[in-house]
PDB file of N, CA and C in Angstrom:
ATOM      1  N   MET A   1      34.433 -33.760 231.459  1.00  0.00           N
ATOM      2  CA  MET A   1      33.889 -32.402 231.421  1.00  0.00           C
ATOM      3  C   MET A   1      32.458 -32.246 230.967  1.00  0.00           C
ATOM      4  N   LYS A   2      31.522 -31.667 231.668  1.00  0.00           N
ATOM      5  CA  LYS A   2      30.249 -31.443 231.304  1.00  0.00           C
ATOM      6  C   LYS A   2      30.042 -30.388 230.239  1.00  0.00           C
ATOM      7  N   LYS A   3      28.716 -30.793 229.585  1.00  0.00           N
ATOM      8  CA  LYS A   3      28.411 -29.889 228.343  1.00  0.00           C
ATOM      9  C   LYS A   3      28.243 -28.382 228.842  1.00  0.00           C
ATOM     10  N   GLU A   4      27.850 -28.152 229.990  1.00  0.00           N
ATOM     11  CA  GLU A   4      27.424 -26.667 230.591  1.00  0.00           C
ATOM     12  C   GLU A   4      28.809 -26.067 230.872  1.00  0.00           C
ATOM     13  N   GLU A   5      29.801 -26.886 231.353  1.00  0.00           N
ATOM     14  CA  GLU A   5      31.282 -26.429 231.560  1.00  0.00           C
ATOM     15  C   GLU A   5      31.956 -26.062 230.031  1.00  0.00           C
ATOM     16  N   ILE A   6      31.588 -27.077 229.377  1.00  0.00           N
ATOM     17  CA  ILE A   6      32.462 -26.652 227.986  1.00  0.00           C
ATOM     18  C   ILE A   6      31.842 -25.716 227.345  1.00  0.00           C
ATOM     19  N   ASP A   7      30.454 -25.449 227.242  1.00  0.00           N
ATOM     20  CA  ASP A   7      29.875 -24.421 226.682  1.00  0.00           C
ATOM     21  C   ASP A   7      30.400 -22.776 227.235  1.00  0.00           C
ATOM     22  N   CYS A   8      30.435 -23.125 228.728  1.00  0.00           N
ATOM     23  CA  CYS A   8      30.869 -21.829 229.481  1.00  0.00           C
ATOM     24  C   CYS A   8      32.177 -21.520 228.973  1.00  0.00           C
ATOM     25  N   LEU A   9      33.397 -22.279 228.799  1.00  0.00           N
ATOM     26  CA  LEU A   9      34.559 -22.062 228.566  1.00  0.00           C
ATOM     27  C   LEU A   9      34.665 -21.605 227.245  1.00  0.00           C
ATOM     28  N   VAL A  10      33.994 -22.119 226.160  1.00  0.00           N
ATOM     29  CA  VAL A  10      34.017 -21.612 224.808  1.00  0.00           C
ATOM     30  C   VAL A  10      33.429 -20.250 224.698  1.00  0.00           C
ATOM     31  N   LYS A  11      32.432 -20.050 225.291  1.00  0.00           N
ATOM     32  CA  LYS A  11      31.567 -18.768 225.353  1.00  0.00           C
ATOM     33  C   LYS A  11      32.460 -17.634 225.887  1.00  0.00           C
ATOM     34  N   TYR A  12      33.069 -17.906 227.085  1.00  0.00           N
ATOM     35  CA  TYR A  12      33.520 -16.653 227.963  1.00  0.00           C
ATOM     36  C   TYR A  12      35.163 -16.645 228.114  1.00  0.00           C
ATOM     37  N   TYR A  13      35.903 -17.786 227.666  1.00  0.00           N
ATOM     38  CA  TYR A  13      37.339 -17.669 227.561  1.00  0.00           C
ATOM     39  C   TYR A  13      38.044 -18.100 226.501  1.00  0.00           C
ATOM     40  N   LEU A  14      37.237 -18.102 225.329  1.00  0.00           N
ATOM     41  CA  LEU A  14      37.872 -18.339 223.963  1.00  0.00           C
ATOM     42  C   LEU A  14      39.121 -17.260 223.878  1.00  0.00           C
ATOM     43  N   HIS A  15      38.932 -16.141 224.419  1.00  0.00           N
ATOM     44  CA  HIS A  15      39.974 -15.276 224.112  1.00  0.00           C
ATOM     45  C   HIS A  15      41.434 -15.579 224.859  1.00  0.00           C
ATOM     46  N   LEU A  16      41.403 -16.731 225.663  1.00  0.00           N
ATOM     47  CA  LEU A  16      42.764 -17.218 226.234  1.00  0.00           C
ATOM     48  C   LEU A  16      43.462 -17.931 225.248  1.00  0.00           C
ATOM     49  N   LEU A  17      42.935 -18.453 224.216  1.00  0.00           N
ATOM     50  CA  LEU A  17      43.550 -19.246 223.291  1.00  0.00           C
ATOM     51  C   LEU A  17      44.474 -18.494 222.407  1.00  0.00           C
ATOM     52  N   PRO A  18      45.636 -19.117 222.093  1.00  0.00           N
ATOM     53  CA  PRO A  18      46.523 -18.442 221.163  1.00  0.00           C
ATOM     54  C   PRO A  18      45.913 -18.229 219.570  1.00  0.00           C
ATOM     55  N   ILE A  19      46.392 -17.260 219.201  1.00  0.00           N
ATOM     56  CA  ILE A  19      45.762 -16.671 217.933  1.00  0.00           C
ATOM     57  C   ILE A  19      45.707 -17.844 216.824  1.00  0.00           C
ATOM     58  N   ASN A  20      46.835 -18.845 216.717  1.00  0.00           N
ATOM     59  CA  ASN A  20      46.970 -19.830 215.685  1.00  0.00           C
ATOM     60  C   ASN A  20      45.967 -20.804 215.991  1.00  0.00           C
ATOM     61  N   ILE A  21      45.508 -21.088 217.093  1.00  0.00           N
ATOM     62  CA  ILE A  21      44.426 -22.095 217.372  1.00  0.00           C
ATOM     63  C   ILE A  21      43.017 -21.453 217.023  1.00  0.00           C
ATOM     64  N   LYS A  22      42.883 -20.190 217.338  1.00  0.00           N
ATOM     65  CA  LYS A  22      41.578 -19.333 216.960  1.00  0.00           C
ATOM     66  C   LYS A  22      41.280 -19.452 215.448  1.00  0.00           C
ATOM     67  N   HIS A  23      42.208 -19.305 214.761  1.00  0.00           N
ATOM     68  CA  HIS A  23      42.076 -19.426 213.269  1.00  0.00           C
ATOM     69  C   HIS A  23      41.771 -20.849 212.842  1.00  0.00           C
ATOM     70  N   THR A  24      41.845 -21.805 213.528  1.00  0.00           N
ATOM     71  CA  THR A  24      41.582 -23.207 212.981  1.00  0.00           C
ATOM     72  C   THR A  24      40.248 -23.401 213.331  1.00  0.00           C
ATOM     73  N   ILE A  25      39.429 -22.488 214.128  1.00  0.00           N
ATOM     74  CA  ILE A  25      37.903 -22.965 214.107  1.00  0.00           C
ATOM     75  C   ILE A  25      37.113 -22.752 213.190  1.00  0.00           C
ATOM     76  N   LYS A  26      36.327 -23.756 212.786  1.00  0.00           N
ATOM     77  CA  LYS A  26      35.608 -23.782 211.672  1.00  0.00           C
ATOM     78  C   LYS A  26      34.235 -24.152 211.948  1.00  0.00           C
ATOM     79  N   TYR A  27      33.547 -23.434 212.762  1.00  0.00           N
ATOM     80  CA  TYR A  27      32.142 -23.887 213.424  1.00  0.00           C
ATOM     81  C   TYR A  27      31.174 -23.860 212.246  1.00  0.00           C
ATOM     82  N   PRO A  28      31.091 -23.048 211.410  1.00  0.00           N
ATOM     83  CA  PRO A  28      30.003 -23.054 210.307  1.00  0.00           C
ATOM     84  C   PRO A  28      30.106 -24.173 209.421  1.00  0.00           C
ATOM     85  N   TYR A  29      31.347 -24.820 209.261  1.00  0.00           N
ATOM     86  CA  TYR A  29      31.549 -25.748 208.323  1.00  0.00           C
ATOM     87  C   TYR A  29      31.144 -27.170 209.000  1.00  0.00           C
ATOM     88  N   LEU A  30      31.071 -27.248 210.199  1.00  0.00           N
ATOM     89  CA  LEU A  30      30.990 -28.529 210.859  1.00  0.00           C
ATOM     90  C   LEU A  30      29.336 -28.917 211.334  1.00  0.00           C
ATOM     91  N   ASN A  31      29.073 -30.182 211.363  1.00  0.00           N
ATOM     92  CA  ASN A  31      27.925 -30.621 211.795  1.00  0.00           C
ATOM     93  C   ASN A  31      27.827 -30.590 213.359  1.00  0.00           C
ATOM     94  N   GLU A  32      26.673 -30.764 213.806  1.00  0.00           N
ATOM     95  CA  GLU A  32      26.536 -30.761 215.153  1.00  0.00           C
ATOM     96  C   GLU A  32      27.411 -31.515 216.142  1.00  0.00           C
ATOM     97  N   GLU A  33      27.671 -32.687 215.744  1.00  0.00           N
ATOM     98  CA  GLU A  33      28.461 -33.818 216.502  1.00  0.00           C
ATOM     99  C   GLU A  33      29.848 -33.359 216.329  1.00  0.00           C
ATOM    100  N   GLU A  34      30.154 -32.943 215.141  1.00  0.00           N
ATOM    101  CA  GLU A  34      31.733 -32.439 214.948  1.00  0.00           C
ATOM    102  C   GLU A  34      31.989 -31.016 215.842  1.00  0.00           C
ATOM    103  N   ARG A  35      30.952 -30.147 215.800  1.00  0.00           N
ATOM    104  CA  ARG A  35      30.998 -28.967 216.575  1.00  0.00           C
ATOM    105  C   ARG A  35      31.375 -29.169 218.156  1.00  0.00           C
ATOM    106  N   GLU A  36      30.565 -30.131 218.716  1.00  0.00           N
ATOM    107  CA  GLU A  36      30.557 -30.547 220.022  1.00  0.00           C
ATOM    108  C   GLU A  36      32.121 -31.165 220.315  1.00  0.00           C
ATOM    109  N   ILE A  37      32.589 -32.014 219.391  1.00  0.00           N
ATOM    110  CA  ILE A  37      33.711 -32.370 219.665  1.00  0.00           C
ATOM    111  C   ILE A  37      35.012 -31.328 219.534  1.00  0.00           C
ATOM    112  N   GLU A  38      34.797 -30.365 218.681  1.00  0.00           N
ATOM    113  CA  GLU A  38      35.769 -29.353 218.446  1.00  0.00           C
ATOM    114  C   GLU A  38      35.705 -28.470 219.787  1.00  0.00           C
ATOM    115  N   LYS A  39      34.421 -28.235 220.256  1.00  0.00           N
ATOM    116  CA  LYS A  39      34.379 -27.396 221.484  1.00  0.00           C
ATOM    117  C   LYS A  39      35.113 -28.100 222.565  1.00  0.00           C
ATOM    118  N   ALA A  40      34.863 -29.385 222.776  1.00  0.00           N
ATOM    119  CA  ALA A  40      35.357 -30.089 223.721  1.00  0.00           C
ATOM    120  C   ALA A  40      36.902 -30.153 223.738  1.00  0.00           C
ATOM    121  N   LYS A  41      37.719 -30.068 222.720  1.00  0.00           N
ATOM    122  CA  LYS A  41      38.880 -30.107 222.443  1.00  0.00           C
ATOM    123  C   LYS A  41      39.517 -28.583 222.828  1.00  0.00           C
ATOM    124  N   LEU A  42      38.744 -27.501 222.426  1.00  0.00           N
ATOM    125  CA  LEU A  42      39.143 -26.277 222.631  1.00  0.00           C
ATOM    126  C   LEU A  42      39.011 -26.046 224.157  1.00  0.00           C
ATOM    127  N   SER A  43      38.032 -26.553 224.937  1.00  0.00           N
ATOM    128  CA  SER A  43      38.102 -26.323 226.447  1.00  0.00           C
ATOM    129  C   SER A  43      38.943 -26.994 227.053  1.00  0.00           C
ATOM    130  N   GLU A  44      39.402 -28.192 226.687  1.00  0.00           N
ATOM    131  CA  GLU A  44      40.621 -29.039 227.348  1.00  0.00           C
ATOM    132  C   GLU A  44      41.791 -28.136 227.153  1.00  0.00           C
ATOM    133  N   ILE A  45      41.972 -27.420 226.019  1.00  0.00           N
ATOM    134  CA  ILE A  45      43.179 -26.590 225.775  1.00  0.00           C
ATOM    135  C   ILE A  45      43.288 -25.352 226.909  1.00  0.00           C
ATOM    136  N   ILE A  46      41.972 -24.820 226.876  1.00  0.00           N
ATOM    137  CA  ILE A  46      41.884 -23.635 227.845  1.00  0.00           C
ATOM    138  C   ILE A  46      42.100 -24.021 229.276  1.00  0.00           C
ATOM    139  N   VAL A  47      41.526 -25.196 229.543  1.00  0.00           N
ATOM    140  CA  VAL A  47      41.932 -25.470 230.984  1.00  0.00           C
ATOM    141  C   VAL A  47      43.275 -25.967 231.303  1.00  0.00           C
ATOM    142  N   LYS A  48      43.967 -26.718 230.367  1.00  0.00           N
ATOM    143  CA  LYS A  48      45.177 -27.023 230.588  1.00  0.00           C
ATOM    144  C   LYS A  48      46.087 -25.967 230.619  1.00  0.00           C
ATOM    145  N   ASN A  49      46.021 -24.865 229.783  1.00  0.00           N
ATOM    146  CA  ASN A  49      46.803 -23.855 229.613  1.00  0.00           C
ATOM    147  C   ASN A  49      46.702 -22.607 230.573  1.00  0.00           C
ATOM    148  N   HIS A  50      45.337 -22.514 230.929  1.00  0.00           N
ATOM    149  CA  HIS A  50      44.989 -21.238 231.604  1.00  0.00           C
ATOM    150  C   HIS A  50      43.830 -21.674 232.797  1.00  0.00           C
ATOM    151  N   GLY A  51      44.184 -22.916 233.248  1.00  0.00           N
ATOM    152  CA  GLY A  51      43.137 -23.295 234.519  1.00  0.00           C
ATOM    153  C   GLY A  51      42.938 -22.318 235.507  1.00  0.00           C
ATOM    154  N   ASN A  52      44.146 -21.771 235.831  1.00  0.00           N
ATOM    155  CA  ASN A  52      44.190 -20.801 236.955  1.00  0.00           C
ATOM    156  C   ASN A  52      43.464 -19.460 236.646  1.00  0.00           C
ATOM    157  N   GLU A  53      43.169 -19.046 235.454  1.00  0.00           N
ATOM    158  CA  GLU A  53      42.444 -18.010 235.092  1.00  0.00           C
ATOM    159  C   GLU A  53      40.826 -18.166 234.931  1.00  0.00           C
ATOM    160  N   VAL A  54      40.445 -19.487 234.876  1.00  0.00           N
ATOM    161  CA  VAL A  54      39.196 -19.697 234.666  1.00  0.00           C
ATOM    162  C   VAL A  54      38.341 -19.604 236.006  1.00  0.00           C
ATOM    163  N   PHE A  55      37.320 -18.900 236.143  1.00  0.00           N
ATOM    164  CA  PHE A  55      36.598 -18.729 237.395  1.00  0.00           C
ATOM    165  C   PHE A  55      35.393 -19.476 237.085  1.00  0.00           C
ATOM    166  N   TRP A  56      35.212 -20.517 237.818  1.00  0.00           N
ATOM    167  CA  TRP A  56      33.887 -21.438 237.985  1.00  0.00           C
ATOM    168  C   TRP A  56      32.965 -20.790 238.813  1.00  0.00           C
ATOM    169  N   ASN A  57      31.926 -19.983 238.357  1.00  0.00           N
ATOM    170  CA  ASN A  57      30.963 -19.338 239.291  1.00  0.00           C
ATOM    171  C   ASN A  57      29.839 -20.397 239.555  1.00  0.00           C
ATOM    172  N   LEU A  58      29.949 -20.911 240.738  1.00  0.00           N
ATOM    173  CA  LEU A  58      29.165 -21.802 241.315  1.00  0.00           C
ATOM    174  C   LEU A  58      28.274 -21.247 242.411  1.00  0.00           C
ATOM    175  N   CYS A  59      26.900 -21.804 242.274  1.00  0.00           N
ATOM    176  CA  CYS A  59      26.082 -21.517 243.062  1.00  0.00           C
ATOM    177  C   CYS A  59      26.423 -21.737 244.640  1.00  0.00           C
ATOM    178  N   PRO A  60      26.301 -20.806 245.721  1.00  0.00           N
ATOM    179  CA  PRO A  60      26.544 -21.396 246.944  1.00  0.00           C
ATOM    180  C   PRO A  60      25.748 -22.482 247.550  1.00  0.00           C
ATOM    181  N   MET A  61      24.579 -22.497 247.112  1.00  0.00           N
ATOM    182  CA  MET A  61      23.347 -23.272 247.527  1.00  0.00           C
ATOM    183  C   MET A  61      23.524 -24.632 246.875  1.00  0.00           C
ATOM    184  N   CYS A  62      23.205 -24.684 245.579  1.00  0.00           N
ATOM    185  CA  CYS A  62      23.172 -26.040 245.181  1.00  0.00           C
ATOM    186  C   CYS A  62      24.596 -26.426 244.174  1.00  0.00           C
ATOM    187  N   ARG A  63      25.540 -25.543 244.199  1.00  0.00           N
ATOM    188  CA  ARG A  63      26.873 -25.925 243.573  1.00  0.00           C
ATOM    189  C   ARG A  63      26.836 -26.153 242.154  1.00  0.00           C
ATOM    190  N   LYS A  64      25.758 -25.649 241.502  1.00  0.00           N
ATOM    191  CA  LYS A  64      25.813 -25.698 240.117  1.00  0.00           C
ATOM    192  C   LYS A  64      26.351 -24.644 239.352  1.00  0.00           C
ATOM    193  N   LEU A  65      26.585 -24.731 238.214  1.00  0.00           N
ATOM    194  CA  LEU A  65      27.303 -23.589 237.396  1.00  0.00           C
ATOM    195  C   LEU A  65      26.261 -22.482 237.032  1.00  0.00           C
ATOM    196  N   ALA A  66      26.725 -21.186 237.553  1.00  0.00           N
ATOM    197  CA  ALA A  66      25.678 -19.936 237.227  1.00  0.00           C
ATOM    198  C   ALA A  66      25.782 -19.752 235.570  1.00  0.00           C
ATOM    199  N   ARG A  67      24.682 -18.840 235.270  1.00  0.00           N
ATOM    200  CA  ARG A  67      24.696 -18.500 233.808  1.00  0.00           C
ATOM    201  C   ARG A  67      25.996 -17.874 233.230  1.00  0.00           C
ATOM    202  N   THR A  68      26.588 -17.059 233.948  1.00  0.00           N
ATOM    203  CA  THR A  68      27.723 -16.380 233.333  1.00  0.00           C
ATOM    204  C   THR A  68      28.654 -16.157 234.687  1.00  0.00           C
ATOM    205  N   PRO A  69      30.054 -16.006 234.166  1.00  0.00           N
ATOM    206  CA  PRO A  69      30.992 -15.821 235.317  1.00  0.00           C
ATOM    207  C   PRO A  69      30.814 -14.794 236.352  1.00  0.00           C
ATOM    208  N   LEU A  70      29.999 -13.831 235.930  1.00  0.00           N
ATOM    209  CA  LEU A  70      29.556 -12.508 236.806  1.00  0.00           C
ATOM    210  C   LEU A  70      28.291 -12.624 237.458  1.00  0.00           C
ATOM    211  N   ALA A  71      27.423 -13.639 237.117  1.00  0.00           N
ATOM    212  CA  ALA A  71      25.988 -13.693 237.600  1.00  0.00           C
ATOM    213  C   ALA A  71      26.212 -13.892 239.159  1.00  0.00           C
ATOM    214  N   LYS A  72      24.831 -13.547 239.698  1.00  0.00           N
ATOM    215  CA  LYS A  72      24.637 -13.451 241.114  1.00  0.00           C
ATOM    216  C   LYS A  72      23.489 -14.125 241.573  1.00  0.00           C
ATOM    217  N   GLN A  73      22.948 -14.741 240.428  1.00  0.00           N
ATOM    218  CA  GLN A  73      21.417 -15.488 240.855  1.00  0.00           C
ATOM    219  C   GLN A  73      21.562 -16.724 240.017  1.00  0.00           C
ATOM    220  N   CYS A  74      21.244 -18.024 240.592  1.00  0.00           N
ATOM    221  CA  CYS A  74      21.357 -19.250 240.082  1.00  0.00           C
ATOM    222  C   CYS A  74      20.347 -19.526 239.252  1.00  0.00           C
ATOM    223  N   LYS A  75      20.494 -20.065 237.908  1.00  0.00           N
ATOM    224  CA  LYS A  75      19.482 -20.460 237.096  1.00  0.00           C
ATOM    225  C   LYS A  75      18.522 -21.624 237.468  1.00  0.00           C
ATOM    226  N   PHE A  76      19.117 -22.470 238.467  1.00  0.00           N
ATOM    227  CA  PHE A  76      18.523 -23.652 238.848  1.00  0.00           C
ATOM    228  C   PHE A  76      17.691 -23.549 240.009  1.00  0.00           C
ATOM    229  N   CYS A  77      18.278 -22.941 241.083  1.00  0.00           N
ATOM    230  CA  CYS A  77      17.529 -22.941 242.309  1.00  0.00           C
ATOM    231  C   CYS A  77      17.161 -21.356 242.790  1.00  0.00           C
ATOM    232  N   ASN A  78      17.234 -20.490 241.985  1.00  0.00           N
ATOM    233  CA  ASN A  78      17.027 -19.082 242.115  1.00  0.00           C
ATOM    234  C   ASN A  78      17.742 -18.348 243.272  1.00  0.00           C
ATOM    235  N   HIS A  79      18.545 -19.218 243.899  1.00  0.00           N
ATOM    236  CA  HIS A  79      19.408 -18.319 245.127  1.00  0.00           C
ATOM    237  C   HIS A  79      20.067 -17.226 244.488  1.00  0.00           C
ATOM    238  N   THR A  80      20.003 -16.135 245.330  1.00  0.00           N
ATOM    239  CA  THR A  80      20.788 -14.878 244.963  1.00  0.00           C
ATOM    240  C   THR A  80      21.715 -14.723 245.981  1.00  0.00           C
ATOM    241  N   TRP A  81      23.146 -14.279 245.582  1.00  0.00           N
ATOM    242  CA  TRP A  81      24.143 -13.909 246.537  1.00  0.00           C
ATOM    243  C   TRP A  81      24.916 -12.582 246.179  1.00  0.00           C
ATOM    244  N   HIS A  82      23.848 -11.623 246.110  1.00  0.00           N
ATOM    245  CA  HIS A  82      24.449 -10.260 245.934  1.00  0.00           C
ATOM    246  C   HIS A  82      24.835  -9.818 247.177  1.00  0.00           C
TER     247      HIS A  82
END
């Protein structure tokens, strides 16, 4: 999974995780490398358990991931699909 996909999942779909997993997140106490590993684990859990609820907002022109799940303009090619 790409870093931008992992960041998107952790930023916008963390609410899908069970409460017991959310309480194990210790971001402030981890260094940068450990934080990225933890994010990758969490994103795998999200996709495994709630893959059908995740919306990958891809640009229709360049097929890259948009800034947010509701964005209507690509941050890479500036294509707009309003």
